[in-house]
Amino acid sequence: MVKTTIVMYTSPTVGHVISMVELAKLLSHQHQQEQDFSITMLLTTGFLDHPSIDPYVNRISTSHPLISFYRFPSVAVTHSNTQSLAATGFQFIKRNVVNVESKLREITQTSVIKSFIIDMFCTSAMEVASTMGIPVYYFFTSGAAVLALCSYFPKIHSETAVSFKEMVGVEIVVPGNAPLNAAFMPGPVLDREDPAYWEMLYFCEHLSMAKGIMVNTFRELEVVAVKAVEDGACFPDLKRSPPPVYCIGPLIADPQESGTALTKNASDQH
């Protein structure tokens, strides 16, 4: 029988790792009756490493045998006070693309990769998987309202010429959302001089290219926002149908399994 696997790749922030693990647990439960099925999660090393992550993933591997973890070799990256933490994070993830490609090719020697699931910071790895014919899905750790904003962001970008931080009092209208003060846009996109702005734009431009988008919410909570993404209102320039949206939340970590220190660290990051 052919072995099948789902490969998941997340940014190194504790909150994103925990959220992706919760998704892995959900998928492993759904596929538990399948023979020769597994889930492999790729972890980076060298930036925002947390000492509790390794004990945490060891506990997960023990309690959920379908889930395994592979940690990449350490990649050096330097964060300076002149660059935002988000920009450094995007740079770090880009430097790991070669590791992603190597591991995906290794896995394909023994298994069929059913899907490659990435979070927003890992868009730079999308092309590698797509070139190999692997379906790429996004896991959006925030809710549908923020997903609608990100999906519509390329349109907002095309209609503005200055940084949002300078647009105090200016309201931005986004399908599926209440009007938003430009100065309250997410931190990484407030300043056009910040490399993180352009990395976020790159991510937002690629949302429509995914096979599907999994979002950490439930439909009844954000009906209007989900509909705006599904119906294409958030992709006004898209010439094809938008990717399907899968509401899979809420995914909430078990403090007993993740550990108090790790859960607190994740909460502090949000």
Protein backbone atom coordinates (compact mmCIF):
# COMPACT_ATOMS: atom_id res chain seq x y z
CA MET A 1 0.00 0.00 0.00
CA VAL A 2 1.22 3.50 -0.86
CA LYS A 3 2.15 5.64 2.12
CA THR A 4 0.49 9.05 2.26
CA THR A 5 1.39 12.06 4.36
CA ILE A 6 0.49 15.67 5.02
CA VAL A 7 3.43 18.02 5.50
CA MET A 8 2.96 21.13 7.63
CA TYR A 9 5.29 24.11 7.88
CA THR A 10 4.95 26.90 10.39
CA SER A 11 6.83 30.01 11.42
CA PRO A 12 8.85 29.69 14.65
CA THR A 13 6.64 31.85 16.88
CA VAL A 14 5.22 29.81 19.74
CA GLY A 15 1.63 30.79 18.98
CA HIS A 16 1.89 29.63 15.37
CA VAL A 17 3.59 26.36 16.34
CA ILE A 18 0.90 25.54 18.90
CA SER A 19 -1.91 26.44 16.47
CA MET A 20 -0.40 24.29 13.72
CA VAL A 21 -0.01 21.38 16.14
CA GLU A 22 -3.69 21.70 17.06
CA LEU A 23 -4.53 21.48 13.36
CA ALA A 24 -2.28 18.42 13.06
CA LYS A 25 -4.14 16.79 15.95
CA LEU A 26 -7.47 17.49 14.26
CA LEU A 27 -6.28 16.01 10.96
CA SER A 28 -4.74 12.97 12.65
CA HIS A 29 -8.07 12.26 14.33
CA GLN A 30 -9.88 12.49 10.98
CA HIS A 31 -7.40 10.12 9.32
CA GLN A 32 -6.81 7.71 12.21
CA GLN A 33 -8.51 4.81 10.42
CA GLU A 34 -6.27 5.11 7.36
CA GLN A 35 -3.36 2.74 7.02
CA ASP A 36 0.10 4.07 6.19
CA PHE A 37 -0.92 7.69 6.85
CA SER A 38 1.21 10.21 8.72
CA ILE A 39 1.66 13.92 9.36
CA THR A 40 5.09 15.54 9.30
CA MET A 41 5.62 18.99 10.76
CA LEU A 42 8.70 20.98 9.76
CA LEU A 43 10.32 23.16 12.42
CA THR A 44 13.00 25.81 11.98
CA THR A 45 16.01 26.43 14.21
CA GLY A 46 17.95 29.63 14.82
CA PHE A 47 15.31 32.33 15.34
CA LEU A 48 12.82 32.78 18.19
CA ASP A 49 13.69 29.32 19.50
CA HIS A 50 11.83 28.57 22.74
CA PRO A 51 13.26 26.06 25.25
CA SER A 52 9.85 24.50 25.87
CA ILE A 53 9.15 23.64 22.23
CA ASP A 54 11.20 20.43 22.08
CA PRO A 55 9.65 18.91 25.24
CA TYR A 56 6.25 19.96 23.89
CA VAL A 57 6.66 18.27 20.49
CA ASN A 58 8.02 15.17 22.23
CA ARG A 59 4.81 14.99 24.27
CA ILE A 60 2.73 15.42 21.12
CA SER A 61 4.64 12.69 19.27
CA THR A 62 4.05 10.31 22.16
CA SER A 63 0.36 11.04 22.57
CA HIS A 64 -0.37 11.33 18.83
CA PRO A 65 1.74 8.71 17.02
CA LEU A 66 0.58 9.78 13.54
CA ILE A 67 2.34 13.13 14.04
CA SER A 68 6.10 13.46 13.72
CA PHE A 69 8.40 16.47 13.73
CA TYR A 70 11.49 17.27 11.71
CA ARG A 71 13.75 20.09 12.82
CA PHE A 72 15.87 21.85 10.20
CA PRO A 73 19.56 22.60 10.81
CA SER A 74 20.15 25.96 12.42
CA VAL A 75 20.05 28.93 10.05
CA ALA A 76 21.80 32.13 11.07
CA VAL A 77 19.89 35.40 10.96
CA THR A 78 20.70 38.71 12.62
CA HIS A 79 18.01 40.99 13.99
CA SER A 80 18.92 44.66 14.27
CA ASN A 81 17.13 47.58 15.86
CA THR A 82 16.78 49.16 12.41
CA GLN A 83 14.58 46.30 11.19
CA SER A 84 11.25 45.06 12.51
CA LEU A 85 11.01 41.63 14.07
CA ALA A 86 8.50 40.63 11.39
CA ALA A 87 10.95 41.58 8.62
CA THR A 88 13.66 39.49 10.25
CA GLY A 89 11.21 36.61 10.55
CA PHE A 90 10.36 36.71 6.86
CA GLN A 91 14.08 36.84 6.00
CA PHE A 92 14.72 33.82 8.23
CA ILE A 93 11.94 31.78 6.61
CA LYS A 94 13.29 32.61 3.15
CA ARG A 95 16.69 31.24 4.14
CA ASN A 96 15.02 27.94 5.02
CA VAL A 97 13.47 27.39 1.58
CA VAL A 98 16.38 25.18 0.55
CA ASN A 99 15.76 23.03 3.65
CA VAL A 100 12.07 22.78 2.80
CA GLU A 101 12.77 21.65 -0.75
CA SER A 102 15.30 19.07 0.41
CA LYS A 103 12.92 17.58 2.97
CA LEU A 104 9.95 17.51 0.60
CA ARG A 105 12.01 15.68 -2.00
CA GLU A 106 13.19 13.23 0.64
CA ILE A 107 9.63 12.52 1.78
CA THR A 108 8.44 11.94 -1.80
CA GLN A 109 10.92 9.07 -2.08
CA THR A 110 8.79 7.00 0.30
CA SER A 111 5.37 8.69 0.46
CA VAL A 112 2.80 10.61 -1.53
CA ILE A 113 2.40 14.10 -0.08
CA LYS A 114 -1.35 14.76 -0.11
CA SER A 115 -0.95 18.41 0.84
CA PHE A 116 1.55 20.97 2.08
CA ILE A 117 0.04 23.27 4.71
CA ILE A 118 1.79 26.57 5.44
CA ASP A 119 1.10 29.65 7.51
CA MET A 120 1.31 33.25 6.33
CA PHE A 121 5.00 33.70 7.10
CA CYS A 122 5.96 30.66 5.01
CA THR A 123 4.71 31.83 1.62
CA SER A 124 8.26 31.76 0.24
CA ALA A 125 8.03 27.94 0.34
CA MET A 126 4.86 27.80 -1.77
CA GLU A 127 6.62 27.85 -5.15
CA VAL A 128 8.88 24.93 -4.23
CA ALA A 129 5.92 22.70 -3.36
CA SER A 130 3.82 23.85 -6.31
CA THR A 131 6.67 23.10 -8.71
CA MET A 132 6.73 19.56 -7.33
CA GLY A 133 3.00 19.20 -7.96
CA ILE A 134 2.09 19.24 -4.27
CA PRO A 135 -1.23 20.96 -3.39
CA VAL A 136 -0.56 23.93 -1.10
CA TYR A 137 -3.03 25.05 1.55
CA TYR A 138 -2.83 28.00 3.91
CA PHE A 139 -3.63 27.69 7.58
CA PHE A 140 -4.73 31.13 8.74
CA THR A 141 -4.30 31.27 12.52
CA SER A 142 -6.44 34.40 12.93
CA GLY A 143 -10.15 34.73 12.21
CA ALA A 144 -12.07 35.32 8.99
CA ALA A 145 -12.26 39.11 9.40
CA VAL A 146 -8.47 39.35 9.27
CA LEU A 147 -8.40 36.86 6.39
CA ALA A 148 -10.79 39.12 4.49
CA LEU A 149 -8.50 42.08 5.15
CA CYS A 150 -5.43 40.19 3.93
CA SER A 151 -7.26 38.90 0.85
CA TYR A 152 -8.28 42.46 -0.04
CA PHE A 153 -4.92 44.02 0.85
CA PRO A 154 -3.44 43.97 -2.70
CA LYS A 155 -6.39 46.15 -3.78
CA ILE A 156 -5.84 48.52 -0.86
CA HIS A 157 -2.14 48.71 -1.73
CA SER A 158 -2.89 49.61 -5.33
CA GLU A 159 -5.08 52.50 -4.21
CA THR A 160 -2.75 54.05 -1.62
CA ALA A 161 0.62 55.72 -1.97
CA VAL A 162 1.73 56.51 1.60
CA SER A 163 2.24 54.50 4.76
CA PHE A 164 -0.88 53.73 6.74
CA LYS A 165 0.74 55.11 9.89
CA GLU A 166 0.54 58.53 8.22
CA MET A 167 -3.15 58.15 7.33
CA VAL A 168 -4.59 58.92 10.77
CA GLY A 169 -8.35 59.35 10.58
CA VAL A 170 -8.64 57.81 7.11
CA GLU A 171 -11.10 54.93 6.96
CA ILE A 172 -10.43 51.86 4.85
CA VAL A 173 -13.42 49.88 3.63
CA VAL A 174 -12.86 46.13 3.41
CA PRO A 175 -15.51 43.59 2.32
CA GLY A 176 -16.70 41.59 5.30
CA ASN A 177 -15.41 44.14 7.81
CA ALA A 178 -16.52 47.32 9.51
CA PRO A 179 -14.61 50.43 8.29
CA LEU A 180 -11.06 50.38 9.66
CA ASN A 181 -8.93 53.36 10.64
CA ALA A 182 -5.81 53.13 8.46
CA ALA A 183 -3.57 53.82 11.45
CA PHE A 184 -4.92 50.65 13.09
CA MET A 185 -3.86 48.31 10.28
CA PRO A 186 -1.75 45.30 11.40
CA GLY A 187 1.73 46.30 12.57
CA PRO A 188 3.77 44.71 9.74
CA VAL A 189 1.95 46.79 7.09
CA LEU A 190 1.88 50.18 8.80
CA ASP A 191 5.13 51.40 7.25
CA ARG A 192 5.97 51.03 3.56
CA GLU A 193 9.63 51.53 4.38
CA ASP A 194 9.58 48.34 6.46
CA PRO A 195 10.55 45.27 4.38
CA ALA A 196 7.82 43.41 6.27
CA TYR A 197 5.23 45.49 4.41
CA TRP A 198 6.33 44.07 1.07
CA GLU A 199 6.58 40.54 2.45
CA MET A 200 3.01 40.84 3.72
CA LEU A 201 1.91 42.08 0.31
CA TYR A 202 3.63 39.06 -1.27
CA PHE A 203 1.74 36.75 1.11
CA CYS A 204 -1.58 38.47 0.45
CA GLU A 205 -1.07 38.24 -3.31
CA HIS A 206 -0.52 34.49 -2.98
CA LEU A 207 -3.63 33.73 -0.91
CA SER A 208 -5.69 33.31 -4.06
CA MET A 209 -3.15 30.82 -5.46
CA ALA A 210 -3.66 28.28 -2.68
CA LYS A 211 -5.65 25.08 -3.16
CA GLY A 212 -7.66 26.12 -0.12
CA ILE A 213 -7.53 28.24 3.02
CA MET A 214 -8.14 26.82 6.49
CA VAL A 215 -9.09 29.48 9.01
CA ASN A 216 -9.22 29.24 12.78
CA THR A 217 -12.86 30.24 13.23
CA PHE A 218 -16.36 28.81 12.86
CA ARG A 219 -18.72 29.98 10.17
CA GLU A 220 -21.57 31.06 12.46
CA LEU A 221 -19.26 33.49 14.26
CA GLU A 222 -18.10 35.36 11.14
CA VAL A 223 -20.73 34.74 8.48
CA VAL A 224 -20.22 38.05 6.66
CA ALA A 225 -16.42 37.86 6.57
CA VAL A 226 -16.36 34.23 5.41
CA LYS A 227 -18.90 34.97 2.67
CA ALA A 228 -16.86 37.98 1.47
CA VAL A 229 -13.82 35.74 0.94
CA GLU A 230 -15.74 32.79 -0.53
CA ASP A 231 -17.78 34.90 -2.94
CA GLY A 232 -14.71 36.70 -4.26
CA ALA A 233 -15.54 40.18 -2.94
CA CYS A 234 -12.09 40.23 -1.32
CA PHE A 235 -10.43 39.25 -4.61
CA PRO A 236 -11.88 41.91 -6.96
CA ASP A 237 -9.22 41.44 -9.64
CA LEU A 238 -9.21 37.63 -9.63
CA LYS A 239 -10.22 36.13 -12.98
CA ARG A 240 -11.04 32.70 -11.56
CA SER A 241 -12.95 31.30 -8.60
CA PRO A 242 -11.35 32.07 -5.21
CA PRO A 243 -9.94 29.16 -3.20
CA PRO A 244 -12.39 27.37 -0.90
CA VAL A 245 -12.44 28.44 2.74
CA TYR A 246 -12.54 25.79 5.46
CA CYS A 247 -13.65 27.02 8.89
CA ILE A 248 -11.98 24.57 11.24
CA GLY A 249 -11.95 26.46 14.53
CA PRO A 250 -11.82 27.21 17.20
CA LEU A 251 -8.59 25.30 17.73
CA ILE A 252 -7.65 25.72 21.38
CA ALA A 253 -4.54 24.19 22.93
CA ASP A 254 -4.84 21.99 25.99
CA PRO A 255 -2.70 23.72 28.69
CA GLN A 256 -1.92 20.32 30.21
CA GLU A 257 -0.41 19.14 26.94
CA SER A 258 1.27 22.35 25.79
CA GLY A 259 2.58 23.31 29.22
CA THR A 260 1.86 26.46 31.21
CA ALA A 261 5.03 28.34 30.20
CA LEU A 262 4.54 27.66 26.50
CA THR A 263 0.86 28.64 26.55
CA LYS A 264 1.65 31.85 28.44
CA ASN A 265 4.36 32.71 25.91
CA ALA A 266 1.91 32.17 23.07
CA SER A 267 -0.64 34.42 24.77
CA ASP A 268 1.98 37.13 25.26
CA GLN A 269 2.66 37.15 21.50
CA HIS A 270 -0.95 38.03 20.63
